[in-house]
Amino acid sequence: AIGPMERLQASPHKLCLEAGIDCI
């Protein structure tokens, strides 16, 4: 539930992938 996504892009999702967990 983080932002602004225009600047973050996919960076938080990549962290979740590296941690091996699902995300919404």
PDB file of all heavy atoms in Angstrom:
ATOM      1  N   ALA A   1       0.860  -1.186   0.000  1.00  0.00           N
ATOM      2  CA  ALA A   1       0.000   0.000   0.000  1.00  0.00           C
ATOM      3  C   ALA A   1       0.894   1.233   0.000  1.00  0.00           C
ATOM      4  O   ALA A   1       0.654   2.203   0.711  1.00  0.00           O
ATOM      5  CB  ALA A   1      -0.905  -0.014   1.226  1.00  0.00           C
ATOM      6  N   ILE A   2       1.911   1.162  -0.799  1.00  0.00           N
ATOM      7  CA  ILE A   2       2.990   2.137  -0.780  1.00  0.00           C
ATOM      8  C   ILE A   2       2.932   3.000  -2.047  1.00  0.00           C
ATOM      9  O   ILE A   2       2.321   2.614  -3.038  1.00  0.00           O
ATOM     10  CB  ILE A   2       4.348   1.388  -0.675  1.00  0.00           C
ATOM     11  CG1 ILE A   2       5.480   2.312  -0.267  1.00  0.00           C
ATOM     12  CG2 ILE A   2       4.642   0.614  -1.942  1.00  0.00           C
ATOM     13  CD1 ILE A   2       6.758   1.557   0.069  1.00  0.00           C
ATOM     14  N   GLY A   3       3.566   4.153  -2.016  1.00  0.00           N
ATOM     15  CA  GLY A   3       3.578   5.016  -3.197  1.00  0.00           C
ATOM     16  C   GLY A   3       4.599   6.128  -3.022  1.00  0.00           C
ATOM     17  O   GLY A   3       5.265   6.223  -1.984  1.00  0.00           O
ATOM     18  N   PRO A   4       4.740   6.993  -4.044  1.00  0.00           N
ATOM     19  CA  PRO A   4       4.015   6.942  -5.325  1.00  0.00           C
ATOM     20  C   PRO A   4       4.598   5.884  -6.265  1.00  0.00           C
ATOM     21  O   PRO A   4       5.820   5.803  -6.444  1.00  0.00           O
ATOM     22  CB  PRO A   4       4.208   8.351  -5.901  1.00  0.00           C
ATOM     23  CG  PRO A   4       5.493   8.834  -5.286  1.00  0.00           C
ATOM     24  CD  PRO A   4       5.577   8.200  -3.925  1.00  0.00           C
ATOM     25  N   MET A   5       3.728   5.102  -6.878  1.00  0.00           N
ATOM     26  CA  MET A   5       4.166   3.995  -7.719  1.00  0.00           C
ATOM     27  C   MET A   5       4.831   4.476  -8.997  1.00  0.00           C
ATOM     28  O   MET A   5       5.626   3.746  -9.595  1.00  0.00           O
ATOM     29  CB  MET A   5       2.975   3.087  -8.043  1.00  0.00           C
ATOM     30  CG  MET A   5       2.452   2.300  -6.849  1.00  0.00           C
ATOM     31  SD  MET A   5       3.709   1.276  -6.052  1.00  0.00           S
ATOM     32  CE  MET A   5       4.131   0.149  -7.374  1.00  0.00           C
ATOM     33  N   GLU A   6       4.527   5.705  -9.441  1.00  0.00           N
ATOM     34  CA  GLU A   6       5.190   6.259 -10.631  1.00  0.00           C
ATOM     35  C   GLU A   6       6.707   6.270 -10.447  1.00  0.00           C
ATOM     36  O   GLU A   6       7.450   6.140 -11.424  1.00  0.00           O
ATOM     37  CB  GLU A   6       4.704   7.688 -10.907  1.00  0.00           C
ATOM     38  CG  GLU A   6       3.293   7.771 -11.455  1.00  0.00           C
ATOM     39  CD  GLU A   6       2.243   7.568 -10.380  1.00  0.00           C
ATOM     40  OE1 GLU A   6       2.570   7.692  -9.178  1.00  0.00           O
ATOM     41  OE2 GLU A   6       1.093   7.272 -10.729  1.00  0.00           O
ATOM     42  N   ARG A   7       7.141   6.402  -9.207  1.00  0.00           N
ATOM     43  CA  ARG A   7       8.580   6.452  -8.919  1.00  0.00           C
ATOM     44  C   ARG A   7       9.122   5.112  -8.426  1.00  0.00           C
ATOM     45  O   ARG A   7      10.251   4.749  -8.725  1.00  0.00           O
ATOM     46  CB  ARG A   7       8.862   7.550  -7.890  1.00  0.00           C
ATOM     47  CG  ARG A   7       8.501   8.929  -8.433  1.00  0.00           C
ATOM     48  CD  ARG A   7       8.825  10.034  -7.459  1.00  0.00           C
ATOM     49  NE  ARG A   7       8.484  11.337  -8.024  1.00  0.00           N
ATOM     50  CZ  ARG A   7       8.597  12.489  -7.378  1.00  0.00           C
ATOM     51  NH1 ARG A   7       9.041  12.495  -6.129  1.00  0.00           N
ATOM     52  NH2 ARG A   7       8.261  13.617  -7.962  1.00  0.00           N
ATOM     53  N   LEU A   8       8.311   4.398  -7.682  1.00  0.00           N
ATOM     54  CA  LEU A   8       8.776   3.112  -7.157  1.00  0.00           C
ATOM     55  C   LEU A   8       8.829   2.041  -8.228  1.00  0.00           C
ATOM     56  O   LEU A   8       9.670   1.132  -8.167  1.00  0.00           O
ATOM     57  CB  LEU A   8       7.853   2.650  -6.020  1.00  0.00           C
ATOM     58  CG  LEU A   8       7.858   3.498  -4.756  1.00  0.00           C
ATOM     59  CD1 LEU A   8       6.799   3.015  -3.795  1.00  0.00           C
ATOM     60  CD2 LEU A   8       9.229   3.467  -4.093  1.00  0.00           C
ATOM     61  N   GLN A   9       7.909   2.125  -9.205  1.00  0.00           N
ATOM     62  CA  GLN A   9       7.809   1.130 -10.266  1.00  0.00           C
ATOM     63  C   GLN A   9       7.683  -0.280  -9.658  1.00  0.00           C
ATOM     64  O   GLN A   9       6.832  -0.497  -8.804  1.00  0.00           O
ATOM     65  CB  GLN A   9       9.009   1.253 -11.209  1.00  0.00           C
ATOM     66  CG  GLN A   9       9.055   2.594 -11.962  1.00  0.00           C
ATOM     67  CD  GLN A   9       7.963   2.747 -12.989  1.00  0.00           C
ATOM     68  OE1 GLN A   9       7.876   1.983 -13.947  1.00  0.00           O
ATOM     69  NE2 GLN A   9       7.114   3.768 -12.804  1.00  0.00           N
ATOM     70  N   ALA A  10       8.527  -1.215 -10.061  1.00  0.00           N
ATOM     71  CA  ALA A  10       8.400  -2.595  -9.575  1.00  0.00           C
ATOM     72  C   ALA A  10       9.397  -2.937  -8.478  1.00  0.00           C
ATOM     73  O   ALA A  10       9.563  -4.110  -8.123  1.00  0.00           O
ATOM     74  CB  ALA A  10       8.574  -3.565 -10.746  1.00  0.00           C
ATOM     75  N   SER A  11      10.064  -1.928  -7.916  1.00  0.00           N
ATOM     76  CA  SER A  11      11.110  -2.208  -6.925  1.00  0.00           C
ATOM     77  C   SER A  11      10.600  -2.962  -5.693  1.00  0.00           C
ATOM     78  O   SER A  11      11.269  -3.913  -5.245  1.00  0.00           O
ATOM     79  CB  SER A  11      11.814  -0.907  -6.515  1.00  0.00           C
ATOM     80  OG  SER A  11      10.897   0.030  -5.999  1.00  0.00           O
ATOM     81  N   PRO A  12       9.447  -2.624  -5.089  1.00  0.00           N
ATOM     82  CA  PRO A  12       9.005  -3.406  -3.925  1.00  0.00           C
ATOM     83  C   PRO A  12       8.624  -4.837  -4.289  1.00  0.00           C
ATOM     84  O   PRO A  12       8.778  -5.752  -3.481  1.00  0.00           O
ATOM     85  CB  PRO A  12       7.808  -2.614  -3.398  1.00  0.00           C
ATOM     86  CG  PRO A  12       7.347  -1.782  -4.538  1.00  0.00           C
ATOM     87  CD  PRO A  12       8.552  -1.474  -5.343  1.00  0.00           C
ATOM     88  N   HIS A  13       8.150  -5.050  -5.515  1.00  0.00           N
ATOM     89  CA  HIS A  13       7.791  -6.402  -5.952  1.00  0.00           C
ATOM     90  C   HIS A  13       9.039  -7.274  -6.098  1.00  0.00           C
ATOM     91  O   HIS A  13       9.010  -8.470  -5.754  1.00  0.00           O
ATOM     92  CB  HIS A  13       7.040  -6.329  -7.286  1.00  0.00           C
ATOM     93  CG  HIS A  13       5.816  -5.461  -7.270  1.00  0.00           C
ATOM     94  ND1 HIS A  13       5.895  -4.084  -7.260  1.00  0.00           N
ATOM     95  CD2 HIS A  13       4.494  -5.766  -7.247  1.00  0.00           C
ATOM     96  CE1 HIS A  13       4.674  -3.578  -7.251  1.00  0.00           C
ATOM     97  NE2 HIS A  13       3.809  -4.577  -7.232  1.00  0.00           N
ATOM     98  N   LYS A  14      10.096  -6.678  -6.583  1.00  0.00           N
ATOM     99  CA  LYS A  14      11.341  -7.422  -6.721  1.00  0.00           C
ATOM    100  C   LYS A  14      11.865  -7.862  -5.356  1.00  0.00           C
ATOM    101  O   LYS A  14      12.429  -8.958  -5.214  1.00  0.00           O
ATOM    102  CB  LYS A  14      12.382  -6.560  -7.437  1.00  0.00           C
ATOM    103  CG  LYS A  14      12.046  -6.296  -8.908  1.00  0.00           C
ATOM    104  CD  LYS A  14      13.068  -5.381  -9.552  1.00  0.00           C
ATOM    105  CE  LYS A  14      12.722  -5.101 -11.014  1.00  0.00           C
ATOM    106  NZ  LYS A  14      13.689  -4.160 -11.643  1.00  0.00           N
ATOM    107  N   LEU A  15      11.675  -7.013  -4.348  1.00  0.00           N
ATOM    108  CA  LEU A  15      12.094  -7.381  -2.988  1.00  0.00           C
ATOM    109  C   LEU A  15      11.305  -8.591  -2.500  1.00  0.00           C
ATOM    110  O   LEU A  15      11.866  -9.499  -1.860  1.00  0.00           O
ATOM    111  CB  LEU A  15      11.890  -6.201  -2.036  1.00  0.00           C
ATOM    112  CG  LEU A  15      12.725  -4.946  -2.302  1.00  0.00           C
ATOM    113  CD1 LEU A  15      12.324  -3.831  -1.342  1.00  0.00           C
ATOM    114  CD2 LEU A  15      14.216  -5.252  -2.168  1.00  0.00           C
ATOM    115  N   CYS A  16      10.010  -8.608  -2.804  1.00  0.00           N
ATOM    116  CA  CYS A  16       9.169  -9.744  -2.390  1.00  0.00           C
ATOM    117  C   CYS A  16       9.607 -11.023  -3.103  1.00  0.00           C
ATOM    118  O   CYS A  16       9.634 -12.104  -2.490  1.00  0.00           O
ATOM    119  CB  CYS A  16       7.701  -9.450  -2.698  1.00  0.00           C
ATOM    120  SG  CYS A  16       6.991  -8.126  -1.687  1.00  0.00           S
ATOM    121  N   LEU A  17       9.960 -10.915  -4.381  1.00  0.00           N
ATOM    122  CA  LEU A  17      10.430 -12.091  -5.117  1.00  0.00           C
ATOM    123  C   LEU A  17      11.729 -12.623  -4.515  1.00  0.00           C
ATOM    124  O   LEU A  17      11.901 -13.840  -4.359  1.00  0.00           O
ATOM    125  CB  LEU A  17      10.638 -11.740  -6.589  1.00  0.00           C
ATOM    126  CG  LEU A  17       9.380 -11.481  -7.435  1.00  0.00           C
ATOM    127  CD1 LEU A  17       9.761 -11.192  -8.880  1.00  0.00           C
ATOM    128  CD2 LEU A  17       8.428 -12.680  -7.370  1.00  0.00           C
ATOM    129  N   GLU A  18      12.618 -11.704  -4.183  1.00  0.00           N
ATOM    130  CA  GLU A  18      13.878 -12.131  -3.580  1.00  0.00           C
ATOM    131  C   GLU A  18      13.650 -12.779  -2.218  1.00  0.00           C
ATOM    132  O   GLU A  18      14.380 -13.696  -1.827  1.00  0.00           O
ATOM    133  CB  GLU A  18      14.827 -10.939  -3.437  1.00  0.00           C
ATOM    134  CG  GLU A  18      15.405 -10.436  -4.745  1.00  0.00           C
ATOM    135  CD  GLU A  18      16.213 -11.505  -5.451  1.00  0.00           C
ATOM    136  OE1 GLU A  18      17.008 -12.202  -4.783  1.00  0.00           O
ATOM    137  OE2 GLU A  18      16.040 -11.669  -6.680  1.00  0.00           O
ATOM    138  N   ALA A  19      12.625 -12.313  -1.519  1.00  0.00           N
ATOM    139  CA  ALA A  19      12.308 -12.898  -0.208  1.00  0.00           C
ATOM    140  C   ALA A  19      11.519 -14.189  -0.348  1.00  0.00           C
ATOM    141  O   ALA A  19      11.352 -14.931   0.629  1.00  0.00           O
ATOM    142  CB  ALA A  19      11.529 -11.886   0.629  1.00  0.00           C
ATOM    143  N   GLY A  20      10.994 -14.445  -1.557  1.00  0.00           N
ATOM    144  CA  GLY A  20      10.246 -15.678  -1.805  1.00  0.00           C
ATOM    145  C   GLY A  20       8.834 -15.664  -1.253  1.00  0.00           C
ATOM    146  O   GLY A  20       8.322 -16.720  -0.850  1.00  0.00           O
ATOM    147  N   ILE A  21       8.188 -14.489  -1.241  1.00  0.00           N
ATOM    148  CA  ILE A  21       6.823 -14.413  -0.710  1.00  0.00           C
ATOM    149  C   ILE A  21       5.882 -13.808  -1.748  1.00  0.00           C
ATOM    150  O   ILE A  21       6.299 -13.110  -2.677  1.00  0.00           O
ATOM    151  CB  ILE A  21       6.747 -13.578   0.585  1.00  0.00           C
ATOM    152  CG1 ILE A  21       7.063 -12.106   0.312  1.00  0.00           C
ATOM    153  CG2 ILE A  21       7.667 -14.152   1.643  1.00  0.00           C
ATOM    154  CD1 ILE A  21       6.780 -11.202   1.513  1.00  0.00           C
ATOM    155  N   ASP A  22       4.595 -14.078  -1.601  1.00  0.00           N
ATOM    156  CA  ASP A  22       3.563 -13.504  -2.464  1.00  0.00           C
ATOM    157  C   ASP A  22       3.324 -12.049  -2.092  1.00  0.00           C
ATOM    158  O   ASP A  22       3.623 -11.621  -0.962  1.00  0.00           O
ATOM    159  CB  ASP A  22       2.254 -14.276  -2.323  1.00  0.00           C
ATOM    160  CG  ASP A  22       2.357 -15.700  -2.839  1.00  0.00           C
ATOM    161  OD1 ASP A  22       3.356 -16.015  -3.514  1.00  0.00           O
ATOM    162  OD2 ASP A  22       1.435 -16.495  -2.560  1.00  0.00           O
ATOM    163  N   CYS A  23       2.761 -11.295  -3.030  1.00  0.00           N
ATOM    164  CA  CYS A  23       2.394  -9.914  -2.706  1.00  0.00           C
ATOM    165  C   CYS A  23       1.155  -9.472  -3.473  1.00  0.00           C
ATOM    166  O   CYS A  23       0.826 -10.017  -4.539  1.00  0.00           O
ATOM    167  CB  CYS A  23       3.554  -8.947  -2.944  1.00  0.00           C
ATOM    168  SG  CYS A  23       4.008  -8.709  -4.663  1.00  0.00           S
ATOM    169  N   ILE A  24       0.462  -8.512  -2.898  1.00  0.00           N
ATOM    170  CA  ILE A  24      -0.724  -7.885  -3.491  1.00  0.00           C
ATOM    171  C   ILE A  24      -0.471  -6.388  -3.484  1.00  0.00           C
ATOM    172  O   ILE A  24      -0.044  -5.838  -2.466  1.00  0.00           O
ATOM    173  CB  ILE A  24      -1.998  -8.187  -2.671  1.00  0.00           C
ATOM    174  CG1 ILE A  24      -2.261  -9.691  -2.602  1.00  0.00           C
ATOM    175  CG2 ILE A  24      -3.212  -7.452  -3.242  1.00  0.00           C
ATOM    176  CD1 ILE A  24      -3.326 -10.073  -1.575  1.00  0.00           C
TER     177      ILE A  24
END
